[in-house]
C-alpha atoms as a PDB file:
ATOM      1  CA  UNK A   1       0.000   0.000   0.000  1.00  0.00           C
ATOM      2  CA  UNK A   2       1.298   3.455  -0.872  1.00  0.00           C
ATOM      3  CA  UNK A   3       2.092   6.471   1.339  1.00  0.00           C
ATOM      4  CA  UNK A   4      -1.195   8.285   0.646  1.00  0.00           C
ATOM      5  CA  UNK A   5      -3.472   5.290   1.163  1.00  0.00           C
ATOM      6  CA  UNK A   6      -1.761   4.535   4.478  1.00  0.00           C
ATOM      7  CA  UNK A   7      -2.322   8.135   5.575  1.00  0.00           C
ATOM      8  CA  UNK A   8      -5.962   8.073   4.497  1.00  0.00           C
ATOM      9  CA  UNK A   9      -6.623   4.914   6.497  1.00  0.00           C
ATOM     10  CA  UNK A  10      -4.962   6.483   9.545  1.00  0.00           C
ATOM     11  CA  UNK A  11      -7.105   9.600   9.052  1.00  0.00           C
ATOM     12  CA  UNK A  12     -10.262   7.463   8.855  1.00  0.00           C
ATOM     13  CA  UNK A  13      -9.254   5.946  12.206  1.00  0.00           C
ATOM     14  CA  UNK A  14      -8.764   9.512  13.569  1.00  0.00           C
ATOM     15  CA  UNK A  15      -5.081   8.824  14.235  1.00  0.00           C
ATOM     16  CA  UNK A  16      -3.717  11.778  12.237  1.00  0.00           C
ATOM     17  CA  UNK A  17      -4.904  15.251  11.217  1.00  0.00           C
ATOM     18  CA  UNK A  18      -5.980  16.462   7.796  1.00  0.00           C
ATOM     19  CA  UNK A  19      -2.700  18.423   7.663  1.00  0.00           C
ATOM     20  CA  UNK A  20      -0.781  15.152   7.919  1.00  0.00           C
ATOM     21  CA  UNK A  21      -2.887  13.724   5.084  1.00  0.00           C
ATOM     22  CA  UNK A  22      -2.119  16.719   2.860  1.00  0.00           C
ATOM     23  CA  UNK A  23       1.573  16.296   3.734  1.00  0.00           C
ATOM     24  CA  UNK A  24       1.497  12.681   2.554  1.00  0.00           C
ATOM     25  CA  UNK A  25      -0.050  13.866  -0.715  1.00  0.00           C
ATOM     26  CA  UNK A  26       2.590  16.570  -1.191  1.00  0.00           C
ATOM     27  CA  UNK A  27       5.369  14.033  -0.528  1.00  0.00           C
ATOM     28  CA  UNK A  28       3.950  11.272  -2.758  1.00  0.00           C
ATOM     29  CA  UNK A  29       5.737  11.000  -6.113  1.00  0.00           C
ATOM     30  CA  UNK A  30       3.613   8.562  -8.106  1.00  0.00           C
ATOM     31  CA  UNK A  31       0.442  10.553  -8.717  1.00  0.00           C
ATOM     32  CA  UNK A  32      -1.632  10.066 -11.847  1.00  0.00           C
ATOM     33  CA  UNK A  33      -3.205  13.284 -13.148  1.00  0.00           C
ATOM     34  CA  UNK A  34      -5.456  14.064 -16.137  1.00  0.00           C
ATOM     35  CA  UNK A  35      -3.440  14.257 -19.367  1.00  0.00           C
ATOM     36  CA  UNK A  36      -4.739  17.771 -20.007  1.00  0.00           C
ATOM     37  CA  UNK A  37      -3.483  18.957 -16.587  1.00  0.00           C
ATOM     38  CA  UNK A  38      -0.095  17.316 -17.154  1.00  0.00           C
ATOM     39  CA  UNK A  39       0.353  19.125 -20.451  1.00  0.00           C
ATOM     40  CA  UNK A  40      -1.211  22.515 -19.649  1.00  0.00           C
ATOM     41  CA  UNK A  41      -0.090  23.012 -16.022  1.00  0.00           C
ATOM     42  CA  UNK A  42       2.962  20.778 -15.595  1.00  0.00           C
ATOM     43  CA  UNK A  43       4.387  21.234 -19.072  1.00  0.00           C
ATOM     44  CA  UNK A  44       4.658  17.510 -19.679  1.00  0.00           C
ATOM     45  CA  UNK A  45       3.753  16.115 -23.078  1.00  0.00           C
ATOM     46  CA  UNK A  46       5.856  12.976 -22.580  1.00  0.00           C
ATOM     47  CA  UNK A  47       5.061  10.919 -19.483  1.00  0.00           C
ATOM     48  CA  UNK A  48       6.325   7.789 -17.764  1.00  0.00           C
ATOM     49  CA  UNK A  49       2.950   6.074 -17.872  1.00  0.00           C
ATOM     50  CA  UNK A  50      -0.342   6.753 -19.609  1.00  0.00           C
ATOM     51  CA  UNK A  51      -3.720   5.204 -18.783  1.00  0.00           C
ATOM     52  CA  UNK A  52      -6.891   5.562 -20.845  1.00  0.00           C
ATOM     53  CA  UNK A  53      -9.634   5.227 -18.256  1.00  0.00           C
ATOM     54  CA  UNK A  54     -12.385   6.123 -20.751  1.00  0.00           C
ATOM     55  CA  UNK A  55     -12.544   7.476 -24.342  1.00  0.00           C
ATOM     56  CA  UNK A  56     -14.008  10.810 -23.172  1.00  0.00           C
ATOM     57  CA  UNK A  57     -13.824  12.891 -20.021  1.00  0.00           C
ATOM     58  CA  UNK A  58     -17.250  13.326 -18.426  1.00  0.00           C
ATOM     59  CA  UNK A  59     -16.230  14.485 -14.968  1.00  0.00           C
ATOM     60  CA  UNK A  60     -16.731  17.955 -13.537  1.00  0.00           C
ATOM     61  CA  UNK A  61     -14.590  20.418 -15.545  1.00  0.00           C
ATOM     62  CA  UNK A  62     -13.565  22.426 -12.446  1.00  0.00           C
ATOM     63  CA  UNK A  63     -12.555  19.388 -10.387  1.00  0.00           C
ATOM     64  CA  UNK A  64      -8.987  18.139 -10.392  1.00  0.00           C
ATOM     65  CA  UNK A  65      -8.957  14.365 -10.077  1.00  0.00           C
ATOM     66  CA  UNK A  66      -5.851  12.777  -8.524  1.00  0.00           C
ATOM     67  CA  UNK A  67      -5.235   9.048  -8.375  1.00  0.00           C
ATOM     68  CA  UNK A  68      -2.541   7.091  -6.594  1.00  0.00           C
ATOM     69  CA  UNK A  69      -0.856   4.203  -8.337  1.00  0.00           C
ATOM     70  CA  UNK A  70      -3.173   1.769  -6.537  1.00  0.00           C
ATOM     71  CA  UNK A  71      -6.311   3.847  -7.116  1.00  0.00           C
ATOM     72  CA  UNK A  72      -5.851   4.069 -10.886  1.00  0.00           C
ATOM     73  CA  UNK A  73      -7.030   0.473 -11.241  1.00  0.00           C
ATOM     74  CA  UNK A  74     -10.004   1.122  -8.946  1.00  0.00           C
ATOM     75  CA  UNK A  75     -11.176   3.982 -11.184  1.00  0.00           C
ATOM     76  CA  UNK A  76     -11.248   2.119 -14.503  1.00  0.00           C
ATOM     77  CA  UNK A  77     -15.059   2.064 -14.550  1.00  0.00           C
ATOM     78  CA  UNK A  78     -15.352   5.864 -14.402  1.00  0.00           C
ATOM     79  CA  UNK A  79     -15.620   8.364 -17.303  1.00  0.00           C
ATOM     80  CA  UNK A  80     -12.449  10.273 -16.436  1.00  0.00           C
ATOM     81  CA  UNK A  81     -10.637  10.241 -19.796  1.00  0.00           C
ATOM     82  CA  UNK A  82      -6.853   9.849 -20.070  1.00  0.00           C
ATOM     83  CA  UNK A  83      -4.405  10.046 -17.162  1.00  0.00           C
ATOM     84  CA  UNK A  84      -0.650  10.507 -16.992  1.00  0.00           C
ATOM     85  CA  UNK A  85       1.859   9.355 -14.378  1.00  0.00           C
ATOM     86  CA  UNK A  86       4.040   9.758 -12.429  1.00  0.00           C
ATOM     87  CA  UNK A  87       4.082  13.187 -10.740  1.00  0.00           C
ATOM     88  CA  UNK A  88       5.268  14.570  -7.421  1.00  0.00           C
ATOM     89  CA  UNK A  89       2.524  15.934  -5.194  1.00  0.00           C
ATOM     90  CA  UNK A  90       4.394  19.163  -4.410  1.00  0.00           C
ATOM     91  CA  UNK A  91       4.692  19.894  -8.136  1.00  0.00           C
ATOM     92  CA  UNK A  92       0.960  19.344  -8.600  1.00  0.00           C
ATOM     93  CA  UNK A  93      -0.014  21.527  -5.649  1.00  0.00           C
ATOM     94  CA  UNK A  94       2.306  24.317  -6.780  1.00  0.00           C
ATOM     95  CA  UNK A  95       0.198  24.477  -9.928  1.00  0.00           C
ATOM     96  CA  UNK A  96      -3.181  24.260  -8.185  1.00  0.00           C
ATOM     97  CA  UNK A  97      -5.243  27.435  -8.455  1.00  0.00           C
ATOM     98  CA  UNK A  98      -8.761  28.440  -7.500  1.00  0.00           C
ATOM     99  CA  UNK A  99      -8.958  30.195 -10.865  1.00  0.00           C
ATOM    100  CA  UNK A 100      -8.884  26.770 -12.527  1.00  0.00           C
ATOM    101  CA  UNK A 101     -10.377  24.341 -10.007  1.00  0.00           C
ATOM    102  CA  UNK A 102     -13.053  24.567  -7.323  1.00  0.00           C
ATOM    103  CA  UNK A 103     -11.999  21.324  -5.676  1.00  0.00           C
ATOM    104  CA  UNK A 104      -9.672  18.338  -5.729  1.00  0.00           C
ATOM    105  CA  UNK A 105     -10.995  14.794  -5.495  1.00  0.00           C
ATOM    106  CA  UNK A 106      -8.495  12.145  -4.496  1.00  0.00           C
ATOM    107  CA  UNK A 107      -8.940   8.484  -5.407  1.00  0.00           C
ATOM    108  CA  UNK A 108     -12.463   8.786  -6.777  1.00  0.00           C
ATOM    109  CA  UNK A 109     -13.835   5.282  -7.340  1.00  0.00           C
ATOM    110  CA  UNK A 110     -12.028   3.845  -4.308  1.00  0.00           C
ATOM    111  CA  UNK A 111     -13.628   2.816  -0.992  1.00  0.00           C
ATOM    112  CA  UNK A 112     -14.668   5.885   1.005  1.00  0.00           C
ATOM    113  CA  UNK A 113     -11.873   5.556   3.576  1.00  0.00           C
ATOM    114  CA  UNK A 114      -9.329   5.787   0.742  1.00  0.00           C
ATOM    115  CA  UNK A 115     -10.765   8.989  -0.750  1.00  0.00           C
ATOM    116  CA  UNK A 116     -10.218  12.633   0.152  1.00  0.00           C
ATOM    117  CA  UNK A 117     -11.751  15.982  -0.779  1.00  0.00           C
ATOM    118  CA  UNK A 118      -9.984  19.348  -0.864  1.00  0.00           C
ATOM    119  CA  UNK A 119     -12.188  22.412  -1.353  1.00  0.00           C
ATOM    120  CA  UNK A 120     -10.825  25.698  -2.652  1.00  0.00           C
ATOM    121  CA  UNK A 121     -11.131  27.141   0.870  1.00  0.00           C
ATOM    122  CA  UNK A 122      -8.310  24.758   1.882  1.00  0.00           C
ATOM    123  CA  UNK A 123      -5.922  25.729  -0.922  1.00  0.00           C
ATOM    124  CA  UNK A 124      -4.047  27.991   1.498  1.00  0.00           C
ATOM    125  CA  UNK A 125      -3.299  24.995   3.735  1.00  0.00           C
ATOM    126  CA  UNK A 126      -2.233  22.995   0.688  1.00  0.00           C
ATOM    127  CA  UNK A 127       0.158  25.777  -0.354  1.00  0.00           C
ATOM    128  CA  UNK A 128       1.652  26.020   3.151  1.00  0.00           C
ATOM    129  CA  UNK A 129       2.172  22.263   3.457  1.00  0.00           C
ATOM    130  CA  UNK A 130       3.746  22.208  -0.002  1.00  0.00           C
ATOM    131  CA  UNK A 131       6.152  24.946   1.064  1.00  0.00           C
ATOM    132  CA  UNK A 132       6.971  22.916   4.177  1.00  0.00           C
ATOM    133  CA  UNK A 133       7.732  19.835   2.086  1.00  0.00           C
ATOM    134  CA  UNK A 134       9.991  21.850  -0.236  1.00  0.00           C
ATOM    135  CA  UNK A 135      11.837  23.310   2.774  1.00  0.00           C
ATOM    136  CA  UNK A 136      12.311  19.888   4.307  1.00  0.00           C
ATOM    137  CA  UNK A 137      13.625  18.559   0.990  1.00  0.00           C
ATOM    138  CA  UNK A 138      16.136  21.423   0.900  1.00  0.00           C
ATOM    139  CA  UNK A 139      17.186  20.705   4.499  1.00  0.00           C
ATOM    140  CA  UNK A 140      17.581  17.009   3.710  1.00  0.00           C
ATOM    141  CA  UNK A 141      20.019  17.830   0.907  1.00  0.00           C
ATOM    142  CA  UNK A 142      22.008  20.370   2.975  1.00  0.00           C
ATOM    143  CA  UNK A 143      25.661  19.791   3.747  1.00  0.00           C
ATOM    144  CA  UNK A 144      28.438  21.441   5.731  1.00  0.00           C
ATOM    145  CA  UNK A 145      29.151  23.670   2.735  1.00  0.00           C
ATOM    146  CA  UNK A 146      25.619  24.129   1.406  1.00  0.00           C
ATOM    147  CA  UNK A 147      22.801  25.310   3.686  1.00  0.00           C
ATOM    148  CA  UNK A 148      19.496  26.660   2.280  1.00  0.00           C
ATOM    149  CA  UNK A 149      19.643  29.892   4.314  1.00  0.00           C
ATOM    150  CA  UNK A 150      17.067  31.773   2.256  1.00  0.00           C
ATOM    151  CA  UNK A 151      14.533  28.941   2.333  1.00  0.00           C
ATOM    152  CA  UNK A 152      14.939  28.601   6.099  1.00  0.00           C
ATOM    153  CA  UNK A 153      14.481  32.349   6.609  1.00  0.00           C
ATOM    154  CA  UNK A 154      11.476  32.641   4.296  1.00  0.00           C
ATOM    155  CA  UNK A 155       9.356  29.911   5.876  1.00  0.00           C
ATOM    156  CA  UNK A 156       6.218  31.724   7.126  1.00  0.00           C
ATOM    157  CA  UNK A 157       5.029  29.416   9.897  1.00  0.00           C
ATOM    158  CA  UNK A 158       7.554  27.895  12.283  1.00  0.00           C
ATOM    159  CA  UNK A 159       6.187  26.656  15.582  1.00  0.00           C
ATOM    160  CA  UNK A 160       8.677  27.090  18.412  1.00  0.00           C
ATOM    161  CA  UNK A 161       8.129  25.027  21.552  1.00  0.00           C
ATOM    162  CA  UNK A 162       7.989  27.175  24.703  1.00  0.00           C
ATOM    163  CA  UNK A 163       7.746  26.417  28.399  1.00  0.00           C
ATOM    164  CA  UNK A 164       4.832  28.133  30.180  1.00  0.00           C
ATOM    165  CA  UNK A 165       4.180  30.387  31.969  1.00  0.00           C
ATOM    166  CA  UNK A 166       7.295  32.415  31.034  1.00  0.00           C
ATOM    167  CA  UNK A 167       7.060  31.183  27.411  1.00  0.00           C
ATOM    168  CA  UNK A 168      10.814  30.883  27.044  1.00  0.00           C
ATOM    169  CA  UNK A 169      12.117  28.438  24.419  1.00  0.00           C
ATOM    170  CA  UNK A 170      11.877  24.811  25.463  1.00  0.00           C
ATOM    171  CA  UNK A 171      15.235  23.166  24.891  1.00  0.00           C
ATOM    172  CA  UNK A 172      16.846  19.784  24.407  1.00  0.00           C
ATOM    173  CA  UNK A 173      20.402  18.470  24.482  1.00  0.00           C
ATOM    174  CA  UNK A 174      22.110  17.705  21.179  1.00  0.00           C
ATOM    175  CA  UNK A 175      25.229  15.577  20.939  1.00  0.00           C
ATOM    176  CA  UNK A 176      28.188  17.586  19.681  1.00  0.00           C
ATOM    177  CA  UNK A 177      26.929  21.003  20.794  1.00  0.00           C
ATOM    178  CA  UNK A 178      27.904  22.696  24.045  1.00  0.00           C
ATOM    179  CA  UNK A 179      24.549  23.781  25.459  1.00  0.00           C
ATOM    180  CA  UNK A 180      20.888  23.125  24.786  1.00  0.00           C
ATOM    181  CA  UNK A 181      18.997  23.773  21.574  1.00  0.00           C
ATOM    182  CA  UNK A 182      15.594  25.324  20.998  1.00  0.00           C
ATOM    183  CA  UNK A 183      13.018  23.065  19.345  1.00  0.00           C
ATOM    184  CA  UNK A 184      11.161  24.331  16.277  1.00  0.00           C
ATOM    185  CA  UNK A 185       8.708  22.660  13.936  1.00  0.00           C
ATOM    186  CA  UNK A 186       7.970  23.297  10.291  1.00  0.00           C
ATOM    187  CA  UNK A 187       4.262  22.434  10.521  1.00  0.00           C
ATOM    188  CA  UNK A 188       1.516  21.500  13.013  1.00  0.00           C
ATOM    189  CA  UNK A 189       1.587  17.819  12.096  1.00  0.00           C
ATOM    190  CA  UNK A 190       5.299  17.621  12.948  1.00  0.00           C
ATOM    191  CA  UNK A 191       4.602  19.150  16.359  1.00  0.00           C
ATOM    192  CA  UNK A 192       1.717  16.703  16.864  1.00  0.00           C
ATOM    193  CA  UNK A 193       4.050  13.804  16.074  1.00  0.00           C
ATOM    194  CA  UNK A 194       6.612  15.116  18.553  1.00  0.00           C
ATOM    195  CA  UNK A 195       3.993  15.537  21.293  1.00  0.00           C
ATOM    196  CA  UNK A 196       2.869  11.926  20.922  1.00  0.00           C
ATOM    197  CA  UNK A 197       6.349  10.886  21.982  1.00  0.00           C
ATOM    198  CA  UNK A 198       7.019  13.661  24.502  1.00  0.00           C
ATOM    199  CA  UNK A 199       4.364  12.570  26.978  1.00  0.00           C
ATOM    200  CA  UNK A 200       2.851  15.042  29.436  1.00  0.00           C
ATOM    201  CA  UNK A 201       5.741  17.524  29.504  1.00  0.00           C
ATOM    202  CA  UNK A 202       4.256  21.035  29.942  1.00  0.00           C
ATOM    203  CA  UNK A 203       4.743  22.761  26.623  1.00  0.00           C
ATOM    204  CA  UNK A 204       3.086  25.227  24.267  1.00  0.00           C
ATOM    205  CA  UNK A 205       4.007  26.775  20.923  1.00  0.00           C
ATOM    206  CA  UNK A 206       4.359  30.205  19.374  1.00  0.00           C
ATOM    207  CA  UNK A 207       4.139  30.584  15.608  1.00  0.00           C
ATOM    208  CA  UNK A 208       6.624  32.909  13.890  1.00  0.00           C
ATOM    209  CA  UNK A 209       7.955  33.481  10.409  1.00  0.00           C
ATOM    210  CA  UNK A 210      11.591  32.578   9.904  1.00  0.00           C
ATOM    211  CA  UNK A 211      13.330  35.953  10.003  1.00  0.00           C
ATOM    212  CA  UNK A 212      11.549  36.988  13.204  1.00  0.00           C
ATOM    213  CA  UNK A 213      12.156  33.607  14.829  1.00  0.00           C
ATOM    214  CA  UNK A 214      15.906  33.510  14.268  1.00  0.00           C
ATOM    215  CA  UNK A 215      16.271  37.183  15.151  1.00  0.00           C
ATOM    216  CA  UNK A 216      14.563  36.638  18.504  1.00  0.00           C
ATOM    217  CA  UNK A 217      16.438  33.405  19.202  1.00  0.00           C
ATOM    218  CA  UNK A 218      19.674  35.408  19.312  1.00  0.00           C
ATOM    219  CA  UNK A 219      18.440  36.919  22.596  1.00  0.00           C
ATOM    220  CA  UNK A 220      18.355  33.543  24.334  1.00  0.00           C
ATOM    221  CA  UNK A 221      21.257  31.371  25.563  1.00  0.00           C
ATOM    222  CA  UNK A 222      20.714  28.513  23.109  1.00  0.00           C
ATOM    223  CA  UNK A 223      23.424  26.591  21.289  1.00  0.00           C
ATOM    224  CA  UNK A 224      21.260  26.218  18.201  1.00  0.00           C
ATOM    225  CA  UNK A 225      17.930  24.839  17.032  1.00  0.00           C
ATOM    226  CA  UNK A 226      16.628  21.370  16.341  1.00  0.00           C
ATOM    227  CA  UNK A 227      14.148  21.394  13.486  1.00  0.00           C
ATOM    228  CA  UNK A 228      11.412  18.748  13.858  1.00  0.00           C
ATOM    229  CA  UNK A 229      12.941  16.797  16.792  1.00  0.00           C
ATOM    230  CA  UNK A 230      11.934  13.131  17.030  1.00  0.00           C
ATOM    231  CA  UNK A 231      10.441  13.343  13.523  1.00  0.00           C
ATOM    232  CA  UNK A 232      11.632  12.111  10.126  1.00  0.00           C
ATOM    233  CA  UNK A 233      14.374  14.337   8.750  1.00  0.00           C
ATOM    234  CA  UNK A 234      15.421  16.019  12.023  1.00  0.00           C
ATOM    235  CA  UNK A 235      18.034  18.749  11.392  1.00  0.00           C
ATOM    236  CA  UNK A 236      20.225  20.659  13.871  1.00  0.00           C
ATOM    237  CA  UNK A 237      21.530  24.159  13.117  1.00  0.00           C
ATOM    238  CA  UNK A 238      24.140  25.729  15.458  1.00  0.00           C
ATOM    239  CA  UNK A 239      23.563  29.278  16.699  1.00  0.00           C
ATOM    240  CA  UNK A 240      26.505  30.763  14.777  1.00  0.00           C
ATOM    241  CA  UNK A 241      24.414  30.241  11.606  1.00  0.00           C
ATOM    242  CA  UNK A 242      21.519  32.427  12.831  1.00  0.00           C
ATOM    243  CA  UNK A 243      22.908  35.685  11.331  1.00  0.00           C
ATOM    244  CA  UNK A 244      23.397  33.990   7.967  1.00  0.00           C
ATOM    245  CA  UNK A 245      19.847  32.634   8.072  1.00  0.00           C
ATOM    246  CA  UNK A 246      18.485  36.107   8.828  1.00  0.00           C
ATOM    247  CA  UNK A 247      20.520  37.546   5.955  1.00  0.00           C
ATOM    248  CA  UNK A 248      19.329  34.748   3.634  1.00  0.00           C
ATOM    249  CA  UNK A 249      22.854  34.149   2.378  1.00  0.00           C
END
């Protein structure tokens, strides 16, 4: 079973949030999209895989239909026309606009627990999660000589863990750094995942955009930050990099 279907089943069991579902869709790289969308919005006239679901498209013209690799076979009885694969979810969502589509239907033709609906009023969330995924991809490819300073600075919605009631940064030890590090999260679902493992430790969050966050962190005695602690793709940045992040070097 693929990444998206696993997330949808977890969502149906109320184990994860809708933000986590959208994340799985943005991270998934084997989407099938309508041929017309692939050509007009993604600039792809040659694709890895084509599927003729029906001779003509008879779906709603302002609905974007997305199918996972497993769901494509479950939709063969529907009048959805021709589909193209494989596409990365972040690329699709970066080309999703309310001017073109009123809604997105995921895995139409599949059992209800494996389907998902995104209305145009949620496109802002989709855009934010897509930006998060792109940032995390950039962080994952960072090295000692190549850090995505601008992308880190420009992220609009970090959640920093704070300890009430003073609301000072909550910190954690990091091997190799002399002193504790502040804990920040790129999205609500990453904080939710962390909290599941952190137990009942008193903690809250404050949401800040990147430049403000790293500017304010310079006022506190922290050795650095841990981005998404206890989550996939955890990254540590030492405090001496804060000025370069703020400058977007």
